[in-house]
Amino acid sequence: MRSRQRNFKLFLGIAALLLLSMACKTITGGLGSSDGGSNLAATQASMEATQAAMSGGNDDNNDADDSSGGAPQGDTGGDLDASAYGPDEEIYTFNFDSEKEWKDRWSYEVTPSSKTKYTVELDSGLLYTKISESFTNINFSFNDLFMGRNDSDVYVELSFDNIGSVRTNKTSILCRVNEDGAYIFSVSSNGLWFIYKYTSSNAKRNVLVEGGVPNYNKNITAHTIGASCIGEELSFYYDGEVLKNGVYQDRDSIFREGSVGFALRSEDIPGVEVEFEYFKVVKK
């Protein structure tokens, strides 16, 4: 059985590295997670490399690390088996309406750890998040789903609302987070979007495809983003529609397994406030 805690650390390490800067650049670091004990040494080594990268000053404000920033703790709600679901069946949906489920099945981390001015709380069926400092990441991990090679075709959707007056933030979905890398689907509050691929073997994060949301209106703050990972095809959805040029065929060492999650990042202006309405995973 996979170590739930090790998968969580893997997710956080990747999420933090990928969200430290939206400019495409080379970083040192790695990822680590596996079944059983055969890859434990590699997992530990890659986690240590990740820590070194995050403390090495390669982010926007030169003070990142991977220390926890108030992650909720609780017993597992039970690992989900993606193979038990058919095409277009919902594997999991969370409406942020249960404190018990939030503590049992989710974890989050704030990076850099020196960033302490933030709020993460469930409130009336919403996940309210406020970041009162610049260049801060909050990375959310769903701990009870790791999809194997034959079951990793999924669609992940996240609903959110930029309720604050500050609109300098990025919201992302992560798909197929594993020891080899991850795919990241990210949208900025200014309407720019990116699909990234992080590869641990060379410790690089590359932009696969990017663009701008058509007819973007900054005064419309409530949106959904969706990430479809089906075979080698990656598709980015915005408010239920595939973005123009938002489909990419990854034929170069495609990732075929992993976990899912989402993240929020503040940029140079602090005071970001976002409410998340739901997080959904659908088998494809």
Protein backbone atom coordinates (compact mmCIF):
# COMPACT_ATOMS: atom_id res chain seq x y z
CA MET A 1 0.00 0.00 0.00
CA ARG A 2 1.25 3.48 -0.79
CA SER A 3 2.21 5.68 2.10
CA ARG A 4 -0.47 8.35 2.36
CA GLN A 5 1.90 10.75 4.07
CA ARG A 6 4.62 10.18 1.45
CA ASN A 7 2.18 10.87 -1.39
CA PHE A 8 1.12 14.06 0.38
CA LYS A 9 4.73 15.26 0.65
CA LEU A 10 5.28 14.36 -3.00
CA PHE A 11 2.29 16.43 -4.04
CA LEU A 12 3.35 19.40 -1.94
CA GLY A 13 6.90 19.32 -3.22
CA ILE A 14 5.75 19.40 -6.85
CA ALA A 15 3.05 21.98 -6.24
CA ALA A 16 5.39 24.34 -4.44
CA LEU A 17 8.08 24.07 -7.11
CA LEU A 18 5.63 24.60 -9.94
CA LEU A 19 3.92 27.59 -8.40
CA LEU A 20 6.99 29.43 -7.13
CA SER A 21 7.25 31.33 -10.41
CA MET A 22 5.12 31.43 -13.54
CA ALA A 23 8.14 32.34 -15.65
CA CYS A 24 9.51 29.20 -17.30
CA LYS A 25 12.92 28.47 -15.82
CA THR A 26 15.16 25.63 -14.69
CA ILE A 27 15.17 24.67 -11.04
CA THR A 28 17.00 22.04 -9.02
CA GLY A 29 14.91 19.51 -7.20
CA GLY A 30 12.92 16.35 -7.63
CA LEU A 31 9.89 14.31 -6.75
CA GLY A 32 9.35 11.09 -4.90
CA SER A 33 6.58 8.59 -4.29
CA SER A 34 6.08 4.90 -4.85
CA ASP A 35 4.47 1.64 -3.86
CA GLY A 36 6.13 -0.42 -1.16
CA GLY A 37 9.78 -0.17 -0.19
CA SER A 38 11.53 -0.75 -3.51
CA ASN A 39 11.69 2.95 -4.38
CA LEU A 40 11.96 4.31 -0.84
CA ALA A 41 15.56 5.44 -1.24
CA ALA A 42 14.79 7.25 -4.49
CA THR A 43 11.75 8.82 -2.88
CA GLN A 44 13.79 10.12 0.04
CA ALA A 45 16.54 11.42 -2.23
CA SER A 46 14.13 13.29 -4.47
CA MET A 47 12.33 14.79 -1.48
CA GLU A 48 15.65 16.04 -0.12
CA ALA A 49 16.46 17.53 -3.53
CA THR A 50 13.09 19.23 -3.52
CA GLN A 51 13.80 20.73 -0.12
CA ALA A 52 17.18 21.95 -1.30
CA ALA A 53 15.64 23.60 -4.34
CA MET A 54 12.98 25.33 -2.31
CA SER A 55 15.49 26.73 0.16
CA GLY A 56 17.96 27.72 -2.53
CA GLY A 57 16.38 31.01 -3.49
CA ASN A 58 14.99 30.20 -6.95
CA ASP A 59 11.55 31.61 -6.30
CA ASP A 60 10.27 35.14 -6.76
CA ASN A 61 11.23 36.35 -3.31
CA ASN A 62 14.19 34.13 -2.40
CA ASP A 63 12.88 32.60 0.82
CA ALA A 64 10.97 29.45 -0.07
CA ASP A 65 11.04 26.15 1.81
CA ASP A 66 8.74 23.17 2.18
CA SER A 67 7.74 23.42 5.83
CA SER A 68 4.11 22.89 6.70
CA GLY A 69 1.91 25.90 7.26
CA GLY A 70 -1.03 24.60 9.26
CA ALA A 71 -2.17 21.49 7.42
CA PRO A 72 -5.34 19.95 8.84
CA GLN A 73 -4.77 16.54 10.37
CA GLY A 74 -7.05 13.51 10.63
CA ASP A 75 -7.50 9.81 9.89
CA THR A 76 -7.88 8.62 6.33
CA GLY A 77 -11.37 8.48 4.92
CA GLY A 78 -10.35 5.42 2.90
CA ASP A 79 -8.42 5.18 -0.35
CA LEU A 80 -10.57 5.38 -3.47
CA ASP A 81 -10.11 2.83 -6.27
CA ALA A 82 -10.40 4.50 -9.67
CA SER A 83 -10.71 1.11 -11.38
CA ALA A 84 -14.12 0.63 -9.73
CA TYR A 85 -15.60 3.48 -11.80
CA GLY A 86 -16.78 3.52 -15.41
CA PRO A 87 -16.42 6.29 -18.01
CA ASP A 88 -18.00 9.61 -16.97
CA GLU A 89 -18.71 8.39 -13.45
CA GLU A 90 -17.78 10.73 -10.63
CA ILE A 91 -14.98 9.28 -8.55
CA TYR A 92 -15.12 12.04 -5.99
CA THR A 93 -16.78 15.39 -5.37
CA PHE A 94 -16.24 17.63 -2.36
CA ASN A 95 -18.43 20.68 -1.77
CA PHE A 96 -16.34 21.89 1.17
CA ASP A 97 -19.29 21.30 3.47
CA SER A 98 -17.88 18.77 5.96
CA GLU A 99 -15.24 19.57 8.56
CA LYS A 100 -14.70 15.86 9.17
CA GLU A 101 -14.05 15.10 5.50
CA TRP A 102 -11.80 18.12 5.24
CA LYS A 103 -9.67 16.89 8.13
CA ASP A 104 -9.77 13.22 7.15
CA ARG A 105 -9.09 13.37 3.42
CA TRP A 106 -7.36 16.65 2.68
CA SER A 107 -4.12 18.38 3.57
CA TYR A 108 -2.62 21.72 2.68
CA GLU A 109 0.69 23.48 2.96
CA VAL A 110 1.73 27.12 2.80
CA THR A 111 5.07 28.00 1.23
CA PRO A 112 7.35 29.70 2.04
CA SER A 113 6.87 28.77 5.70
CA SER A 114 7.81 32.31 6.69
CA LYS A 115 4.48 33.39 5.23
CA THR A 116 2.11 33.22 8.17
CA LYS A 117 -0.55 35.77 7.27
CA TYR A 118 -3.22 33.65 5.64
CA THR A 119 -6.64 32.14 6.33
CA VAL A 120 -7.95 28.73 5.25
CA GLU A 121 -11.34 27.72 6.62
CA LEU A 122 -14.61 26.08 5.68
CA ASP A 123 -17.49 28.53 5.82
CA SER A 124 -21.09 27.77 4.84
CA GLY A 125 -20.24 25.21 2.17
CA LEU A 126 -17.24 27.10 0.79
CA LEU A 127 -13.50 26.94 1.29
CA TYR A 128 -12.54 30.51 2.15
CA THR A 129 -8.90 31.36 1.49
CA LYS A 130 -7.13 34.66 2.10
CA ILE A 131 -3.45 35.37 1.49
CA SER A 132 -2.28 38.58 3.14
CA GLU A 133 1.32 38.41 1.91
CA SER A 134 2.87 38.52 -1.55
CA PHE A 135 4.43 35.57 -3.37
CA THR A 136 2.73 32.93 -1.25
CA ASN A 137 1.47 29.49 -2.28
CA ILE A 138 -1.24 27.39 -0.69
CA ASN A 139 -1.19 23.86 -2.08
CA PHE A 140 -4.16 21.55 -1.45
CA SER A 141 -3.85 17.77 -1.72
CA PHE A 142 -6.61 15.16 -1.87
CA ASN A 143 -4.88 12.31 -0.07
CA ASP A 144 -7.08 9.31 -0.85
CA LEU A 145 -6.71 8.87 -4.60
CA PHE A 146 -3.66 7.68 -6.50
CA MET A 147 -4.56 6.43 -9.98
CA GLY A 148 -2.52 3.68 -11.61
CA ARG A 149 -1.39 3.43 -15.21
CA ASN A 150 -4.64 1.86 -16.40
CA ASP A 151 -6.95 4.19 -14.47
CA SER A 152 -5.48 7.68 -14.76
CA ASP A 153 -7.78 9.06 -17.48
CA VAL A 154 -9.74 11.69 -15.58
CA TYR A 155 -11.37 15.09 -15.74
CA VAL A 156 -10.77 17.34 -12.72
CA GLU A 157 -12.86 20.46 -12.13
CA LEU A 158 -12.53 23.29 -9.63
CA SER A 159 -15.05 26.08 -8.97
CA PHE A 160 -13.82 29.33 -7.41
CA ASP A 161 -14.63 33.01 -6.97
CA ASN A 162 -12.10 35.85 -6.65
CA ILE A 163 -14.11 37.74 -4.06
CA GLY A 164 -11.44 40.24 -2.98
CA SER A 165 -10.42 43.52 -4.54
CA VAL A 166 -6.91 42.23 -5.31
CA ARG A 167 -6.77 40.36 -8.63
CA THR A 168 -3.14 39.29 -8.83
CA ASN A 169 -3.35 35.58 -8.19
CA LYS A 170 -3.09 32.24 -9.95
CA THR A 171 -5.32 29.20 -9.51
CA SER A 172 -4.18 25.76 -10.64
CA ILE A 173 -5.23 22.12 -10.96
CA LEU A 174 -2.59 19.41 -10.73
CA CYS A 175 -3.04 16.08 -12.52
CA ARG A 176 -1.02 12.84 -12.53
CA VAL A 177 1.31 13.92 -9.74
CA ASN A 178 3.86 11.10 -9.44
CA GLU A 179 7.56 10.41 -8.89
CA ASP A 180 8.35 11.27 -12.53
CA GLY A 181 6.58 14.64 -12.60
CA ALA A 182 3.18 16.26 -12.99
CA TYR A 183 0.88 18.25 -15.26
CA ILE A 184 -0.32 21.68 -14.10
CA PHE A 185 -3.24 23.65 -15.54
CA SER A 186 -2.99 27.24 -14.33
CA VAL A 187 -5.01 30.41 -14.92
CA SER A 188 -4.09 33.91 -13.79
CA SER A 189 -6.60 36.46 -12.59
CA ASN A 190 -5.62 38.58 -15.60
CA GLY A 191 -6.88 35.91 -17.99
CA LEU A 192 -3.60 34.28 -19.03
CA TRP A 193 -3.45 30.48 -18.85
CA PHE A 194 -0.78 27.78 -19.05
CA ILE A 195 -0.39 24.02 -19.21
CA TYR A 196 2.92 23.04 -17.63
CA LYS A 197 4.84 19.79 -17.45
CA TYR A 198 7.29 19.24 -14.63
CA THR A 199 9.83 16.45 -15.18
CA SER A 200 11.86 15.26 -12.21
CA SER A 201 14.62 13.59 -14.23
CA ASN A 202 15.95 16.95 -15.39
CA ALA A 203 14.24 19.11 -12.73
CA LYS A 204 12.62 21.34 -15.32
CA ARG A 205 9.17 22.85 -15.68
CA ASN A 206 8.22 23.57 -19.27
CA VAL A 207 5.26 25.39 -20.79
CA LEU A 208 3.50 22.95 -23.10
CA VAL A 209 0.95 25.47 -24.33
CA GLU A 210 -0.31 28.89 -23.23
CA GLY A 211 -2.78 31.56 -24.19
CA GLY A 212 -5.38 34.04 -23.04
CA VAL A 213 -9.02 33.56 -22.12
CA PRO A 214 -11.18 34.94 -25.00
CA ASN A 215 -13.21 38.04 -24.12
CA TYR A 216 -11.86 37.98 -20.59
CA ASN A 217 -13.72 40.28 -18.19
CA LYS A 218 -11.90 40.97 -14.92
CA ASN A 219 -15.16 42.06 -13.31
CA ILE A 220 -16.59 38.54 -13.61
CA THR A 221 -14.97 36.77 -10.69
CA ALA A 222 -16.69 33.37 -10.39
CA HIS A 223 -15.30 30.68 -12.69
CA THR A 224 -14.62 27.00 -13.12
CA ILE A 225 -11.45 25.50 -14.53
CA GLY A 226 -11.15 21.93 -15.71
CA ALA A 227 -8.25 19.66 -16.58
CA SER A 228 -8.73 16.61 -18.77
CA CYS A 229 -5.92 14.05 -18.81
CA ILE A 230 -6.87 11.28 -21.24
CA GLY A 231 -4.05 9.18 -22.59
CA GLU A 232 -1.55 11.58 -24.12
CA GLU A 233 -4.15 14.32 -24.62
CA LEU A 234 -4.29 17.22 -22.15
CA SER A 235 -7.21 19.66 -22.37
CA PHE A 236 -7.78 22.87 -20.40
CA TYR A 237 -11.38 24.01 -19.76
CA TYR A 238 -12.56 27.42 -18.62
CA ASP A 239 -16.18 27.89 -17.57
CA GLY A 240 -17.12 24.60 -19.19
CA GLU A 241 -15.51 25.24 -22.58
CA VAL A 242 -12.20 24.02 -23.94
CA LEU A 243 -9.89 27.01 -24.27
CA LYS A 244 -8.79 27.99 -27.76
CA ASN A 245 -5.50 26.17 -28.38
CA GLY A 246 -6.00 24.54 -24.97
CA VAL A 247 -5.48 20.95 -26.16
CA TYR A 248 -2.01 19.43 -26.20
CA GLN A 249 -0.78 15.98 -27.22
CA ASP A 250 2.10 14.97 -24.96
CA ARG A 251 3.93 12.27 -26.90
CA ASP A 252 7.23 12.74 -25.06
CA SER A 253 7.49 10.52 -21.96
CA ILE A 254 3.88 11.00 -20.97
CA PHE A 255 2.94 10.61 -17.30
CA ARG A 256 0.41 7.81 -16.88
CA GLU A 257 -0.35 7.70 -13.16
CA GLY A 258 -0.62 9.90 -10.12
CA SER A 259 -2.75 11.95 -7.77
CA VAL A 260 -4.71 15.22 -8.11
CA GLY A 261 -5.09 18.51 -6.27
CA PHE A 262 -5.26 22.29 -6.64
CA ALA A 263 -3.37 25.40 -5.58
CA LEU A 264 -3.63 29.15 -5.08
CA ARG A 265 -0.82 31.71 -5.36
CA SER A 266 -0.59 35.40 -4.56
CA GLU A 267 1.72 37.57 -6.62
CA ASP A 268 3.29 40.95 -5.88
CA ILE A 269 0.19 42.52 -4.30
CA PRO A 270 -1.05 40.84 -1.08
CA GLY A 271 -4.68 40.58 -0.02
CA VAL A 272 -5.93 37.83 -2.34
CA GLU A 273 -9.32 36.40 -1.28
CA VAL A 274 -10.77 33.36 -3.04
CA GLU A 275 -13.72 31.12 -2.22
CA PHE A 276 -13.70 27.58 -3.58
CA GLU A 277 -17.11 26.00 -4.17
CA TYR A 278 -16.28 22.43 -5.17
CA PHE A 279 -13.58 20.04 -6.37
CA LYS A 280 -14.60 17.15 -8.63
CA VAL A 281 -12.87 14.14 -10.20
CA VAL A 282 -14.57 12.22 -13.03
CA LYS A 283 -13.34 8.97 -14.60
CA LYS A 284 -12.76 9.12 -18.37
